[in-house]
PDB file of all heavy atoms in Angstrom:
ATOM      1  N   LYS A   1       0.878  -1.221  -0.001  1.00  0.00           N
ATOM      2  CA  LYS A   1      -0.006   0.028  -0.049  1.00  0.00           C
ATOM      3  C   LYS A   1       0.822   1.183   0.019  1.00  0.00           C
ATOM      4  O   LYS A   1       1.969   1.215   0.609  1.00  0.00           O
ATOM      5  CB  LYS A   1      -0.895   0.071   1.270  1.00  0.00           C
ATOM      6  CG  LYS A   1      -1.773   1.244   1.344  1.00  0.00           C
ATOM      7  CD  LYS A   1      -2.697   1.165   2.437  1.00  0.00           C
ATOM      8  CE  LYS A   1      -3.837   0.309   2.281  1.00  0.00           C
ATOM      9  NZ  LYS A   1      -4.908   0.258   3.367  1.00  0.00           N
ATOM     10  N   VAL A   2       0.392   2.253  -0.639  1.00  0.00           N
ATOM     11  CA  VAL A   2       1.013   3.577  -0.663  1.00  0.00           C
ATOM     12  C   VAL A   2      -0.062   4.653  -0.179  1.00  0.00           C
ATOM     13  O   VAL A   2      -1.167   4.687  -0.826  1.00  0.00           O
ATOM     14  CB  VAL A   2       1.558   3.938  -2.071  1.00  0.00           C
ATOM     15  CG1 VAL A   2       2.030   5.423  -1.995  1.00  0.00           C
ATOM     16  CG2 VAL A   2       2.629   2.937  -2.547  1.00  0.00           C
ATOM     17  N   PHE A   3       0.263   5.255   0.950  1.00  0.00           N
ATOM     18  CA  PHE A   3      -0.677   6.256   1.513  1.00  0.00           C
ATOM     19  C   PHE A   3      -0.097   7.734   1.334  1.00  0.00           C
ATOM     20  O   PHE A   3       0.927   8.030   1.849  1.00  0.00           O
ATOM     21  CB  PHE A   3      -0.929   5.958   3.022  1.00  0.00           C
ATOM     22  CG  PHE A   3      -2.116   6.805   3.541  1.00  0.00           C
ATOM     23  CD1 PHE A   3      -3.219   6.127   3.712  1.00  0.00           C
ATOM     24  CD2 PHE A   3      -1.915   8.051   3.894  1.00  0.00           C
ATOM     25  CE1 PHE A   3      -4.371   6.746   4.372  1.00  0.00           C
ATOM     26  CE2 PHE A   3      -2.932   8.836   4.410  1.00  0.00           C
ATOM     27  CZ  PHE A   3      -4.187   8.228   4.627  1.00  0.00           C
ATOM     28  N   GLY A   4      -0.852   8.475   0.535  1.00  0.00           N
ATOM     29  CA  GLY A   4      -0.225   9.810   0.281  1.00  0.00           C
ATOM     30  C   GLY A   4      -1.150  10.858   1.074  1.00  0.00           C
ATOM     31  O   GLY A   4      -2.383  11.113   0.773  1.00  0.00           O
ATOM     32  N   HIS A   5      -0.477  11.495   2.089  1.00  0.00           N
ATOM     33  CA  HIS A   5      -1.212  12.427   2.832  1.00  0.00           C
ATOM     34  C   HIS A   5      -1.159  13.931   2.394  1.00  0.00           C
ATOM     35  O   HIS A   5      -0.327  14.133   1.468  1.00  0.00           O
ATOM     36  CB  HIS A   5      -0.650  12.449   4.306  1.00  0.00           C
ATOM     37  CG  HIS A   5       0.694  12.925   4.552  1.00  0.00           C
ATOM     38  ND1 HIS A   5       0.969  14.220   4.523  1.00  0.00           N
ATOM     39  CD2 HIS A   5       1.860  12.241   4.724  1.00  0.00           C
ATOM     40  CE1 HIS A   5       2.320  14.271   4.667  1.00  0.00           C
ATOM     41  NE2 HIS A   5       2.912  13.072   4.798  1.00  0.00           N
ATOM     42  N   GLY A   6      -1.809  14.787   2.987  1.00  0.00           N
ATOM     43  CA  GLY A   6      -1.879  16.135   2.513  1.00  0.00           C
ATOM     44  C   GLY A   6      -0.795  17.068   3.093  1.00  0.00           C
ATOM     45  O   GLY A   6       0.018  16.554   3.756  1.00  0.00           O
ATOM     46  N   PHE A   7      -0.919  18.291   2.674  1.00  0.00           N
ATOM     47  CA  PHE A   7      -0.021  19.269   3.208  1.00  0.00           C
ATOM     48  C   PHE A   7      -0.480  20.125   4.288  1.00  0.00           C
ATOM     49  O   PHE A   7      -1.780  20.260   4.538  1.00  0.00           O
ATOM     50  CB  PHE A   7       0.423  20.233   2.086  1.00  0.00           C
ATOM     51  CG  PHE A   7       1.231  19.631   0.946  1.00  0.00           C
ATOM     52  CD1 PHE A   7       1.271  20.239  -0.318  1.00  0.00           C
ATOM     53  CD2 PHE A   7       1.981  18.472   1.210  1.00  0.00           C
ATOM     54  CE1 PHE A   7       2.028  19.551  -1.333  1.00  0.00           C
ATOM     55  CE2 PHE A   7       2.604  17.835   0.137  1.00  0.00           C
ATOM     56  CZ  PHE A   7       2.740  18.466  -1.096  1.00  0.00           C
ATOM     57  N   LEU A   8       0.315  20.684   5.129  1.00  0.00           N
ATOM     58  CA  LEU A   8       0.023  21.584   6.202  1.00  0.00           C
ATOM     59  C   LEU A   8       0.210  23.129   5.739  1.00  0.00           C
ATOM     60  O   LEU A   8       1.278  23.519   5.208  1.00  0.00           O
ATOM     61  CB  LEU A   8       0.777  21.295   7.383  1.00  0.00           C
ATOM     62  CG  LEU A   8       0.655  20.017   8.086  1.00  0.00           C
ATOM     63  CD1 LEU A   8       1.544  19.872   9.374  1.00  0.00           C
ATOM     64  CD2 LEU A   8      -0.873  19.863   8.745  1.00  0.00           C
ATOM     65  N   THR A   9      -0.746  23.868   6.015  1.00  0.00           N
ATOM     66  CA  THR A   9      -0.579  25.342   5.887  1.00  0.00           C
ATOM     67  C   THR A   9      -0.752  25.947   7.320  1.00  0.00           C
ATOM     68  O   THR A   9      -0.955  25.184   8.270  1.00  0.00           O
ATOM     69  CB  THR A   9      -1.762  25.922   4.987  1.00  0.00           C
ATOM     70  OG1 THR A   9      -3.050  25.574   5.528  1.00  0.00           O
ATOM     71  CG2 THR A   9      -1.638  25.483   3.635  1.00  0.00           C
ATOM     72  N   ARG A  10      -0.509  27.316   7.391  1.00  0.00           N
ATOM     73  CA  ARG A  10      -0.595  27.903   8.618  1.00  0.00           C
ATOM     74  C   ARG A  10      -1.464  29.189   8.598  1.00  0.00           C
ATOM     75  O   ARG A  10      -1.175  30.040   7.785  1.00  0.00           O
ATOM     76  CB  ARG A  10       0.883  28.320   9.095  1.00  0.00           C
ATOM     77  CG  ARG A  10       0.749  29.064  10.521  1.00  0.00           C
ATOM     78  CD  ARG A  10       2.259  29.331  11.014  1.00  0.00           C
ATOM     79  NE  ARG A  10       2.161  29.868  12.273  1.00  0.00           N
ATOM     80  CZ  ARG A  10       3.224  30.386  13.076  1.00  0.00           C
ATOM     81  NH1 ARG A  10       4.486  30.269  12.390  1.00  0.00           N
ATOM     82  NH2 ARG A  10       3.136  30.873  14.214  1.00  0.00           N
ATOM     83  N   GLU A  11      -2.508  29.074   9.330  1.00  0.00           N
ATOM     84  CA  GLU A  11      -3.540  30.263   9.329  1.00  0.00           C
ATOM     85  C   GLU A  11      -3.882  30.585   7.850  1.00  0.00           C
ATOM     86  O   GLU A  11      -4.035  31.659   7.452  1.00  0.00           O
ATOM     87  CB  GLU A  11      -2.933  31.549   9.966  1.00  0.00           C
ATOM     88  CG  GLU A  11      -2.299  31.226  11.363  1.00  0.00           C
ATOM     89  CD  GLU A  11      -3.343  30.898  12.499  1.00  0.00           C
ATOM     90  OE1 GLU A  11      -4.600  30.982  12.196  1.00  0.00           O
ATOM     91  OE2 GLU A  11      -2.908  30.507  13.541  1.00  0.00           O
ATOM     92  N   GLY A  12      -4.133  29.426   7.148  1.00  0.00           N
ATOM     93  CA  GLY A  12      -4.657  29.575   5.775  1.00  0.00           C
ATOM     94  C   GLY A  12      -3.625  29.926   4.751  1.00  0.00           C
ATOM     95  O   GLY A  12      -3.902  30.038   3.448  1.00  0.00           O
ATOM     96  N   GLN A  13      -2.265  30.036   5.085  1.00  0.00           N
ATOM     97  CA  GLN A  13      -1.337  30.415   4.141  1.00  0.00           C
ATOM     98  C   GLN A  13      -0.201  29.251   4.035  1.00  0.00           C
ATOM     99  O   GLN A  13       0.084  28.562   4.985  1.00  0.00           O
ATOM    100  CB  GLN A  13      -0.487  31.613   4.627  1.00  0.00           C
ATOM    101  CG  GLN A  13      -1.210  32.986   4.197  1.00  0.00           C
ATOM    102  CD  GLN A  13      -0.285  34.184   4.631  1.00  0.00           C
ATOM    103  OE1 GLN A  13       0.278  34.207   5.671  1.00  0.00           O
ATOM    104  NE2 GLN A  13      -0.220  35.020   3.601  1.00  0.00           N
ATOM    105  N   LYS A  14       0.305  29.068   2.860  1.00  0.00           N
ATOM    106  CA  LYS A  14       1.361  28.093   2.610  1.00  0.00           C
ATOM    107  C   LYS A  14       2.631  28.636   3.629  1.00  0.00           C
ATOM    108  O   LYS A  14       2.902  29.766   3.596  1.00  0.00           O
ATOM    109  CB  LYS A  14       1.819  28.081   1.255  1.00  0.00           C
ATOM    110  CG  LYS A  14       2.853  27.051   0.960  1.00  0.00           C
ATOM    111  CD  LYS A  14       3.264  26.992  -0.450  1.00  0.00           C
ATOM    112  CE  LYS A  14       4.432  26.009  -0.768  1.00  0.00           C
ATOM    113  NZ  LYS A  14       4.858  25.860  -2.152  1.00  0.00           N
ATOM    114  N   MET A  15       3.301  27.660   4.235  1.00  0.00           N
ATOM    115  CA  MET A  15       4.401  28.049   4.947  1.00  0.00           C
ATOM    116  C   MET A  15       5.667  28.152   4.173  1.00  0.00           C
ATOM    117  O   MET A  15       5.844  27.322   3.229  1.00  0.00           O
ATOM    118  CB  MET A  15       4.716  27.029   6.115  1.00  0.00           C
ATOM    119  CG  MET A  15       3.617  27.084   7.275  1.00  0.00           C
ATOM    120  SD  MET A  15       4.059  25.900   8.711  1.00  0.00           S
ATOM    121  CE  MET A  15       3.039  24.495   8.168  1.00  0.00           C
ATOM    122  N   GLY A  16       6.522  29.194   4.365  1.00  0.00           N
ATOM    123  CA  GLY A  16       7.620  29.400   3.665  1.00  0.00           C
ATOM    124  C   GLY A  16       8.613  30.398   4.353  1.00  0.00           C
ATOM    125  O   GLY A  16       8.115  31.172   5.139  1.00  0.00           O
ATOM    126  N   LYS A  17       9.830  30.266   4.142  1.00  0.00           N
ATOM    127  CA  LYS A  17      10.885  31.187   4.744  1.00  0.00           C
ATOM    128  C   LYS A  17      10.543  32.650   4.292  1.00  0.00           C
ATOM    129  O   LYS A  17      10.763  33.526   5.039  1.00  0.00           O
ATOM    130  CB  LYS A  17      12.224  30.806   4.282  1.00  0.00           C
ATOM    131  CG  LYS A  17      12.711  29.398   4.937  1.00  0.00           C
ATOM    132  CD  LYS A  17      14.165  29.157   4.537  1.00  0.00           C
ATOM    133  CE  LYS A  17      14.597  28.015   5.196  1.00  0.00           C
ATOM    134  NZ  LYS A  17      16.093  27.595   4.722  1.00  0.00           N
ATOM    135  N   SER A  18      10.220  32.827   3.006  1.00  0.00           N
ATOM    136  CA  SER A  18      10.003  34.158   2.476  1.00  0.00           C
ATOM    137  C   SER A  18       8.849  34.861   3.327  1.00  0.00           C
ATOM    138  O   SER A  18       8.873  36.133   3.388  1.00  0.00           O
ATOM    139  CB  SER A  18       9.760  34.165   0.978  1.00  0.00           C
ATOM    140  OG  SER A  18       8.696  33.402   0.817  1.00  0.00           O
ATOM    141  N   LEU A  19       7.899  34.035   3.678  1.00  0.00           N
ATOM    142  CA  LEU A  19       6.780  34.578   4.452  1.00  0.00           C
ATOM    143  C   LEU A  19       6.951  34.756   5.947  1.00  0.00           C
ATOM    144  O   LEU A  19       6.240  35.430   6.626  1.00  0.00           O
ATOM    145  CB  LEU A  19       5.509  33.794   4.184  1.00  0.00           C
ATOM    146  CG  LEU A  19       4.916  33.614   2.790  1.00  0.00           C
ATOM    147  CD1 LEU A  19       3.790  32.724   2.680  1.00  0.00           C
ATOM    148  CD2 LEU A  19       4.464  35.102   2.336  1.00  0.00           C
ATOM    149  N   GLY A  20       8.102  34.039   6.368  1.00  0.00           N
ATOM    150  CA  GLY A  20       8.403  34.178   7.794  1.00  0.00           C
ATOM    151  C   GLY A  20       7.365  33.467   8.709  1.00  0.00           C
ATOM    152  O   GLY A  20       7.210  33.797   9.881  1.00  0.00           O
ATOM    153  N   ASN A  21       6.682  32.436   8.271  1.00  0.00           N
ATOM    154  CA  ASN A  21       5.584  31.755   8.933  1.00  0.00           C
ATOM    155  C   ASN A  21       5.856  30.333   9.210  1.00  0.00           C
ATOM    156  O   ASN A  21       4.947  29.568   9.306  1.00  0.00           O
ATOM    157  CB  ASN A  21       4.238  31.937   8.272  1.00  0.00           C
ATOM    158  CG  ASN A  21       4.125  31.312   6.962  1.00  0.00           C
ATOM    159  OD1 ASN A  21       5.111  30.841   6.318  1.00  0.00           O
ATOM    160  ND2 ASN A  21       2.923  31.235   6.528  1.00  0.00           N
ATOM    161  N   VAL A  22       7.129  29.801   9.095  1.00  0.00           N
ATOM    162  CA  VAL A  22       7.440  28.470   9.182  1.00  0.00           C
ATOM    163  C   VAL A  22       7.371  28.085  10.694  1.00  0.00           C
ATOM    164  O   VAL A  22       7.766  28.819  11.544  1.00  0.00           O
ATOM    165  CB  VAL A  22       8.888  28.249   8.743  1.00  0.00           C
ATOM    166  CG1 VAL A  22       9.347  26.732   9.005  1.00  0.00           C
ATOM    167  CG2 VAL A  22       8.904  28.372   7.154  1.00  0.00           C
ATOM    168  N   LEU A  23       6.707  27.008  10.927  1.00  0.00           N
ATOM    169  CA  LEU A  23       6.649  26.352  12.308  1.00  0.00           C
ATOM    170  C   LEU A  23       7.790  25.544  12.587  1.00  0.00           C
ATOM    171  O   LEU A  23       7.994  24.516  11.834  1.00  0.00           O
ATOM    172  CB  LEU A  23       5.330  25.703  12.496  1.00  0.00           C
ATOM    173  CG  LEU A  23       4.100  26.589  12.811  1.00  0.00           C
ATOM    174  CD1 LEU A  23       2.754  25.757  12.667  1.00  0.00           C
ATOM    175  CD2 LEU A  23       4.047  27.190  14.169  1.00  0.00           C
ATOM    176  N   ASP A  24       8.578  25.850  13.486  1.00  0.00           N
ATOM    177  CA  ASP A  24       9.864  25.125  13.863  1.00  0.00           C
ATOM    178  C   ASP A  24       9.373  23.972  14.822  1.00  0.00           C
ATOM    179  O   ASP A  24       8.857  24.223  15.889  1.00  0.00           O
ATOM    180  CB  ASP A  24      10.819  25.920  14.535  1.00  0.00           C
ATOM    181  CG  ASP A  24      12.142  25.332  14.802  1.00  0.00           C
ATOM    182  OD1 ASP A  24      12.166  24.049  14.847  1.00  0.00           O
ATOM    183  OD2 ASP A  24      13.162  26.020  15.125  1.00  0.00           O
ATOM    184  N   PRO A  25       9.425  22.692  14.280  1.00  0.00           N
ATOM    185  CA  PRO A  25       9.175  21.636  15.236  1.00  0.00           C
ATOM    186  C   PRO A  25       9.863  21.546  16.550  1.00  0.00           C
ATOM    187  O   PRO A  25       9.337  21.092  17.665  1.00  0.00           O
ATOM    188  CB  PRO A  25       9.457  20.285  14.430  1.00  0.00           C
ATOM    189  CG  PRO A  25      10.416  20.849  13.333  1.00  0.00           C
ATOM    190  CD  PRO A  25      10.142  22.178  13.038  1.00  0.00           C
ATOM    191  N   GLU A  26      11.098  22.023  16.553  1.00  0.00           N
ATOM    192  CA  GLU A  26      11.860  22.110  17.795  1.00  0.00           C
ATOM    193  C   GLU A  26      11.282  23.125  18.734  1.00  0.00           C
ATOM    194  O   GLU A  26      11.129  22.829  20.026  1.00  0.00           O
ATOM    195  CB  GLU A  26      13.283  22.396  17.645  1.00  0.00           C
ATOM    196  CG  GLU A  26      14.068  21.321  16.802  1.00  0.00           C
ATOM    197  CD  GLU A  26      15.491  21.566  16.600  1.00  0.00           C
ATOM    198  OE1 GLU A  26      16.245  21.660  17.633  1.00  0.00           O
ATOM    199  OE2 GLU A  26      16.051  21.755  15.462  1.00  0.00           O
ATOM    200  N   LEU A  27      10.930  24.282  18.335  1.00  0.00           N
ATOM    201  CA  LEU A  27      10.230  25.243  19.065  1.00  0.00           C
ATOM    202  C   LEU A  27       8.858  24.778  19.562  1.00  0.00           C
ATOM    203  O   LEU A  27       8.461  25.088  20.700  1.00  0.00           O
ATOM    204  CB  LEU A  27      10.131  26.559  18.279  1.00  0.00           C
ATOM    205  CG  LEU A  27       9.452  27.706  18.958  1.00  0.00           C
ATOM    206  CD1 LEU A  27      10.280  28.253  20.255  1.00  0.00           C
ATOM    207  CD2 LEU A  27       9.204  28.898  18.006  1.00  0.00           C
ATOM    208  N   LEU A  28       8.166  24.158  18.727  1.00  0.00           N
ATOM    209  CA  LEU A  28       6.771  23.619  19.051  1.00  0.00           C
ATOM    210  C   LEU A  28       6.934  22.677  20.226  1.00  0.00           C
ATOM    211  O   LEU A  28       6.131  22.770  21.176  1.00  0.00           O
ATOM    212  CB  LEU A  28       6.206  22.921  17.926  1.00  0.00           C
ATOM    213  CG  LEU A  28       5.262  23.566  16.957  1.00  0.00           C
ATOM    214  CD1 LEU A  28       4.802  22.763  15.899  1.00  0.00           C
ATOM    215  CD2 LEU A  28       4.040  24.117  17.793  1.00  0.00           C
ATOM    216  N   LEU A  29       7.884  21.751  20.102  1.00  0.00           N
ATOM    217  CA  LEU A  29       8.120  20.768  21.219  1.00  0.00           C
ATOM    218  C   LEU A  29       8.467  21.408  22.457  1.00  0.00           C
ATOM    219  O   LEU A  29       7.914  21.101  23.517  1.00  0.00           O
ATOM    220  CB  LEU A  29       9.187  19.853  20.704  1.00  0.00           C
ATOM    221  CG  LEU A  29       9.558  18.603  21.723  1.00  0.00           C
ATOM    222  CD1 LEU A  29       8.314  17.797  21.902  1.00  0.00           C
ATOM    223  CD2 LEU A  29      10.658  17.743  21.231  1.00  0.00           C
TER     224      LEU A  29
END
């Protein structure tokens, strides 16, 4: 089986360095 999951956005926006809205998993933890 191959299971393809979706993507995560943040507050309705795609996350990216240029937008400055990347969620850091280390900070989250």
